[in-house]
Amino acid sequence: MTLVGKIFTMLILVMSIMFMAFSVMVFVTHKNWKEFADNASPKTGKPEGLKQQLAKRTAELADAKIQLQKLETEFAMEQAARKHALAALQVRAAKAEGELTTLQGEYDKLLAQNALASEAAKTAQARLVALETEAKTLRDELRTVNKDLDAKFNKVVELTDSLNQALSQGEILKETNLQAMNQIARQKKVMDAKGLTETSLVDHIAPPVDGVVLEVSDKDLVEISIGNDDGLKIGHSLDIYRGNTYLGKIVIKKTGPDRSVGQVQKELQRGQIKQGDYVTTKFRS
């Protein structure tokens, strides 16, 4: 057998197997088309026939049409009601839009009034702050003035008391002065009768003065740096000292405005008197 014969033999074998398989499938899938089309009493596990299924679907379709018509009627009624409600809502919406426009105008007007009121409030607030500051300043000034018035009133009371006391004291002094004048008049009569003056009893007392020895002569005369402008008079006596050493005493024999000449009292001399020594009336040996 040639190669071609072998190939054809194999092809025949394969085709035989394929046709056998196709025959088996046709046998397995074979149906009873009459029973499939009209089967009013199907067995268990078998469906009804197509005729019976069609009758059921036709009845269901009729019911569905009736239900659809009912739903269409209800839909039409609902649509009419909705149109009526929509119309009413459109009327209400138009009315509400008009009211809204009116309210918007009133709102804008209120905003403008509020802006004006805010500006007025700010101005009033600033004025209030200024007035509060001014009031505080005035209160402080008033307290200061009241304190000053109280102090002045107390001073007036004090001065009034002092004036009253002074007036009382003045009356007392007037009375005392009158008594003193009467007493002086009586004393003057007595002094005139005795030939005395008011300084007769104190002329020999030197005033409290200090000075310096300017010059010493060989005649026991000493010139000093104080005179009658300082209250020295002829006859006054002064002490002379150097440091802590007492040197003696002089008696004024001659006076000038700013110089005087005194005589050294030999019996009281304790040392040699020199230029630059100090003289005083403030102590005695």
Protein backbone atom coordinates (compact mmCIF):
# COMPACT_ATOMS: atom_id res chain seq x y z
CA MET A 1 0.00 0.00 0.00
CA THR A 2 1.31 3.33 -1.02
CA LEU A 3 1.47 6.44 1.20
CA VAL A 4 -1.51 8.01 -0.52
CA GLY A 5 -3.56 4.88 0.08
CA LYS A 6 -2.69 5.02 3.74
CA ILE A 7 -3.72 8.67 3.98
CA PHE A 8 -7.10 8.00 2.32
CA THR A 9 -7.64 5.03 4.63
CA MET A 10 -7.05 7.25 7.68
CA LEU A 11 -9.35 9.94 6.28
CA ILE A 12 -12.10 7.38 5.74
CA LEU A 13 -11.67 6.15 9.30
CA VAL A 14 -11.84 9.70 10.74
CA MET A 15 -14.89 10.60 8.67
CA SER A 16 -16.62 7.40 9.79
CA ILE A 17 -16.05 8.32 13.43
CA MET A 18 -17.36 11.84 12.86
CA PHE A 19 -20.54 10.65 11.14
CA MET A 20 -21.15 8.14 13.92
CA ALA A 21 -20.80 10.89 16.54
CA PHE A 22 -23.15 13.15 14.60
CA SER A 23 -25.76 10.34 14.42
CA VAL A 24 -25.53 9.82 18.16
CA MET A 25 -26.01 13.55 18.86
CA VAL A 26 -29.04 13.70 16.56
CA PHE A 27 -30.55 10.73 18.35
CA VAL A 28 -29.93 12.20 21.74
CA THR A 29 -31.38 15.62 20.86
CA HIS A 30 -34.46 14.31 19.10
CA LYS A 31 -37.76 15.91 20.42
CA ASN A 32 -41.43 15.13 20.16
CA TRP A 33 -42.48 18.34 18.44
CA LYS A 34 -46.21 17.67 18.74
CA GLU A 35 -45.95 17.13 22.46
CA PHE A 36 -43.71 20.23 22.65
CA ALA A 37 -46.34 22.28 20.81
CA ASP A 38 -49.57 20.97 22.46
CA ASN A 39 -49.29 19.34 25.87
CA ALA A 40 -52.16 20.22 28.20
CA SER A 41 -51.20 17.58 30.76
CA PRO A 42 -47.41 17.60 31.01
CA LYS A 43 -45.65 14.90 32.88
CA THR A 44 -43.50 15.57 35.88
CA GLY A 45 -40.41 17.49 34.89
CA LYS A 46 -41.88 18.32 31.44
CA PRO A 47 -43.10 21.84 30.52
CA GLU A 48 -46.55 22.63 29.15
CA GLY A 49 -46.96 22.85 25.42
CA LEU A 50 -46.37 26.01 23.55
CA LYS A 51 -50.13 26.33 22.83
CA GLN A 52 -50.98 26.25 26.52
CA GLN A 53 -48.13 28.68 27.32
CA LEU A 54 -49.41 31.00 24.58
CA ALA A 55 -52.95 30.90 26.01
CA LYS A 56 -51.60 31.80 29.45
CA ARG A 57 -49.44 34.61 28.04
CA THR A 58 -52.46 35.89 26.03
CA ALA A 59 -54.59 35.97 29.22
CA GLU A 60 -51.74 37.66 31.10
CA LEU A 61 -51.42 40.14 28.24
CA ALA A 62 -55.14 40.96 28.41
CA ASP A 63 -54.87 41.47 32.17
CA ALA A 64 -51.78 43.60 31.61
CA LYS A 65 -53.68 45.70 29.02
CA ILE A 66 -56.55 46.18 31.46
CA GLN A 67 -54.08 47.11 34.19
CA LEU A 68 -52.25 49.39 31.73
CA GLN A 69 -55.50 51.13 30.80
CA LYS A 70 -56.31 51.56 34.46
CA LEU A 71 -52.85 52.93 35.12
CA GLU A 72 -53.12 55.23 32.09
CA THR A 73 -56.45 56.50 33.43
CA GLU A 74 -54.94 57.04 36.90
CA PHE A 75 -51.88 58.64 35.29
CA ALA A 76 -54.09 60.99 33.29
CA MET A 77 -56.02 61.92 36.43
CA GLU A 78 -52.77 62.31 38.37
CA GLN A 79 -51.30 64.37 35.52
CA ALA A 80 -54.36 66.62 35.48
CA ALA A 81 -54.18 66.99 39.25
CA ARG A 82 -50.50 67.72 39.02
CA LYS A 83 -51.13 70.31 36.27
CA HIS A 84 -53.75 71.94 38.47
CA ALA A 85 -51.40 71.85 41.45
CA LEU A 86 -48.55 73.13 39.26
CA ALA A 87 -50.74 75.99 38.07
CA ALA A 88 -51.62 76.80 41.68
CA LEU A 89 -47.96 76.56 42.63
CA GLN A 90 -47.03 78.84 39.73
CA VAL A 91 -49.58 81.37 40.95
CA ARG A 92 -48.25 81.08 44.48
CA ALA A 93 -44.68 81.26 43.16
CA ALA A 94 -45.52 84.44 41.21
CA LYS A 95 -47.17 85.90 44.29
CA ALA A 96 -44.22 84.79 46.44
CA GLU A 97 -41.80 86.28 43.90
CA GLY A 98 -43.68 89.58 44.10
CA GLU A 99 -43.61 89.41 47.88
CA LEU A 100 -39.92 88.51 47.71
CA THR A 101 -39.25 91.53 45.51
CA THR A 102 -41.14 93.73 47.96
CA LEU A 103 -39.30 92.17 50.90
CA GLN A 104 -35.97 92.57 49.08
CA GLY A 105 -36.73 96.25 48.61
CA GLU A 106 -37.66 96.57 52.28
CA TYR A 107 -34.52 94.63 53.18
CA ASP A 108 -32.34 96.94 51.09
CA LYS A 109 -34.07 99.90 52.71
CA LEU A 110 -33.48 98.41 56.16
CA LEU A 111 -29.82 97.80 55.24
CA ALA A 112 -29.46 101.44 54.26
CA GLN A 113 -31.20 102.52 57.48
CA ASN A 114 -28.98 100.13 59.43
CA ALA A 115 -25.87 101.61 57.79
CA LEU A 116 -27.06 105.10 58.73
CA ALA A 117 -27.89 103.90 62.24
CA SER A 118 -24.46 102.27 62.51
CA GLU A 119 -22.74 105.50 61.49
CA ALA A 120 -24.93 107.42 63.93
CA ALA A 121 -24.12 104.86 66.64
CA LYS A 122 -20.38 105.17 65.91
CA THR A 123 -20.66 108.96 66.09
CA ALA A 124 -22.67 108.71 69.29
CA GLN A 125 -20.15 106.23 70.72
CA ALA A 126 -17.26 108.55 69.89
CA ARG A 127 -19.20 111.47 71.40
CA LEU A 128 -19.98 109.35 74.45
CA VAL A 129 -16.29 108.48 74.89
CA ALA A 130 -15.38 112.16 74.53
CA LEU A 131 -18.09 113.14 77.02
CA GLU A 132 -16.97 110.43 79.45
CA THR A 133 -13.37 111.68 79.16
CA GLU A 134 -14.54 115.26 79.63
CA ALA A 135 -16.73 114.23 82.56
CA LYS A 136 -13.80 112.39 84.16
CA THR A 137 -11.61 115.47 83.67
CA LEU A 138 -14.33 117.67 85.15
CA ARG A 139 -14.76 115.27 88.08
CA ASP A 140 -11.02 115.33 88.71
CA GLU A 141 -11.00 119.13 88.45
CA LEU A 142 -14.05 119.29 90.72
CA ARG A 143 -12.33 117.07 93.29
CA THR A 144 -9.24 119.25 93.05
CA VAL A 145 -11.35 122.40 93.41
CA ASN A 146 -13.26 120.88 96.33
CA LYS A 147 -9.99 119.91 98.02
CA ASP A 148 -8.67 123.41 97.37
CA LEU A 149 -11.89 124.94 98.68
CA ASP A 150 -11.77 122.69 101.73
CA ALA A 151 -8.15 123.67 102.32
CA LYS A 152 -9.00 127.35 101.84
CA PHE A 153 -12.05 127.01 104.07
CA ASN A 154 -9.91 125.38 106.73
CA LYS A 155 -7.36 128.16 106.23
CA VAL A 156 -10.13 130.77 106.52
CA VAL A 157 -11.36 129.10 109.69
CA GLU A 158 -7.80 128.97 110.99
CA LEU A 159 -7.19 132.59 110.01
CA THR A 160 -10.53 133.58 111.52
CA ASP A 161 -9.54 131.89 114.76
CA SER A 162 -6.12 133.55 114.55
CA LEU A 163 -7.79 136.89 113.81
CA ASN A 164 -10.12 136.48 116.73
CA GLN A 165 -7.19 135.53 118.93
CA ALA A 166 -5.19 138.44 117.51
CA LEU A 167 -8.09 140.81 118.14
CA SER A 168 -8.37 139.50 121.66
CA GLN A 169 -4.60 139.74 122.04
CA GLY A 170 -4.73 143.22 120.50
CA GLU A 171 -7.26 144.33 123.06
CA ILE A 172 -5.07 142.87 125.76
CA LEU A 173 -2.00 144.57 124.26
CA LYS A 174 -3.85 147.85 123.97
CA GLU A 175 -4.71 147.62 127.64
CA THR A 176 -1.14 146.58 128.48
CA ASN A 177 0.24 149.38 126.28
CA LEU A 178 -2.00 151.90 127.99
CA GLN A 179 -0.81 150.67 131.36
CA ALA A 180 2.82 150.71 130.15
CA MET A 181 2.44 154.26 128.79
CA ASN A 182 1.01 155.39 132.08
CA GLN A 183 3.86 153.66 133.92
CA ILE A 184 6.48 155.19 131.55
CA ALA A 185 4.94 158.60 132.04
CA ARG A 186 5.23 158.20 135.80
CA GLN A 187 8.83 156.90 135.48
CA LYS A 188 9.75 159.83 133.18
CA LYS A 189 8.48 162.26 135.76
CA VAL A 190 10.68 160.59 138.34
CA MET A 191 13.76 160.53 135.99
CA ASP A 192 13.21 164.15 135.01
CA ALA A 193 13.00 165.03 138.66
CA LYS A 194 16.30 163.17 139.28
CA GLY A 195 18.02 164.51 136.09
CA LEU A 196 18.41 161.03 134.47
CA THR A 197 17.97 159.81 130.85
CA GLU A 198 16.86 156.45 129.56
CA THR A 199 20.48 155.38 128.94
CA SER A 200 22.04 156.71 132.10
CA LEU A 201 22.13 153.35 133.81
CA VAL A 202 23.52 151.33 130.80
CA ASP A 203 25.95 153.73 129.16
CA HIS A 204 28.94 152.00 130.81
CA ILE A 205 27.99 148.54 129.39
CA ALA A 206 29.74 147.76 126.08
CA PRO A 207 27.84 145.92 123.32
CA PRO A 208 28.89 142.33 122.46
CA VAL A 209 31.57 142.93 119.78
CA ASP A 210 34.88 141.43 118.62
CA GLY A 211 37.82 143.15 116.97
CA VAL A 212 41.57 143.09 116.24
CA VAL A 213 44.47 145.18 117.58
CA LEU A 214 45.67 147.36 114.70
CA GLU A 215 48.51 149.22 116.40
CA VAL A 216 50.20 149.49 119.83
CA SER A 217 51.97 152.76 120.93
CA ASP A 218 54.66 153.23 123.54
CA LYS A 219 52.21 155.20 125.70
CA ASP A 220 50.09 152.13 126.48
CA LEU A 221 47.56 153.19 123.84
CA VAL A 222 46.00 150.51 121.59
CA GLU A 223 44.15 151.14 118.31
CA ILE A 224 41.46 148.54 117.51
CA SER A 225 39.30 147.73 114.42
CA ILE A 226 35.84 148.58 115.86
CA GLY A 227 34.26 151.97 116.57
CA ASN A 228 31.08 153.84 117.36
CA ASP A 229 29.34 152.27 114.33
CA ASP A 230 29.65 149.01 116.29
CA GLY A 231 28.18 150.63 119.42
CA LEU A 232 31.42 151.46 121.28
CA LYS A 233 31.50 154.57 123.42
CA ILE A 234 34.12 156.31 125.48
CA GLY A 235 34.49 154.56 128.82
CA HIS A 236 33.64 151.06 127.53
CA SER A 237 36.14 148.35 128.48
CA LEU A 238 37.35 145.42 126.32
CA ASP A 239 39.44 142.32 127.00
CA ILE A 240 42.53 141.45 124.93
CA TYR A 241 43.65 137.84 124.26
CA ARG A 242 45.86 135.78 121.98
CA GLY A 243 44.68 132.21 121.43
CA ASN A 244 43.91 130.88 124.92
CA THR A 245 46.09 133.51 126.66
CA TYR A 246 44.45 136.46 128.40
CA LEU A 247 46.57 139.59 127.96
CA GLY A 248 44.69 142.34 129.73
CA LYS A 249 42.01 145.05 129.51
CA ILE A 250 41.69 148.44 127.79
CA VAL A 251 39.32 151.36 128.36
CA ILE A 252 38.11 153.31 125.30
CA LYS A 253 39.37 156.86 125.25
CA LYS A 254 38.50 157.88 121.68
CA THR A 255 36.10 156.51 119.09
CA GLY A 256 35.64 156.82 115.34
CA PRO A 257 33.18 155.21 112.91
CA ASP A 258 35.25 152.04 112.46
CA ARG A 259 38.21 152.50 114.82
CA SER A 260 38.78 153.24 118.47
CA VAL A 261 41.72 153.98 120.78
CA GLY A 262 41.91 152.43 124.22
CA GLN A 263 44.16 152.85 127.28
CA VAL A 264 45.81 149.66 128.63
CA GLN A 265 45.02 149.02 132.30
CA LYS A 266 48.49 148.25 133.61
CA GLU A 267 47.24 146.67 136.81
CA LEU A 268 45.28 144.06 134.82
CA GLN A 269 47.90 143.39 132.12
CA ARG A 270 48.98 139.71 131.87
CA GLY A 271 51.32 139.88 128.86
CA GLN A 272 52.71 142.06 126.12
CA ILE A 273 50.01 143.29 123.72
CA LYS A 274 50.90 143.05 120.03
CA GLN A 275 49.39 143.94 116.66
CA GLY A 276 46.96 141.17 115.57
CA ASP A 277 45.78 140.28 119.07
CA TYR A 278 42.01 139.99 119.56
CA VAL A 279 39.71 142.26 121.56
CA THR A 280 36.22 141.39 122.80
CA THR A 281 33.50 142.47 125.19
CA LYS A 282 32.09 138.97 125.55
CA PHE A 283 34.06 137.88 128.63
CA ARG A 284 35.71 139.45 131.69
CA SER A 285 38.87 138.53 133.68
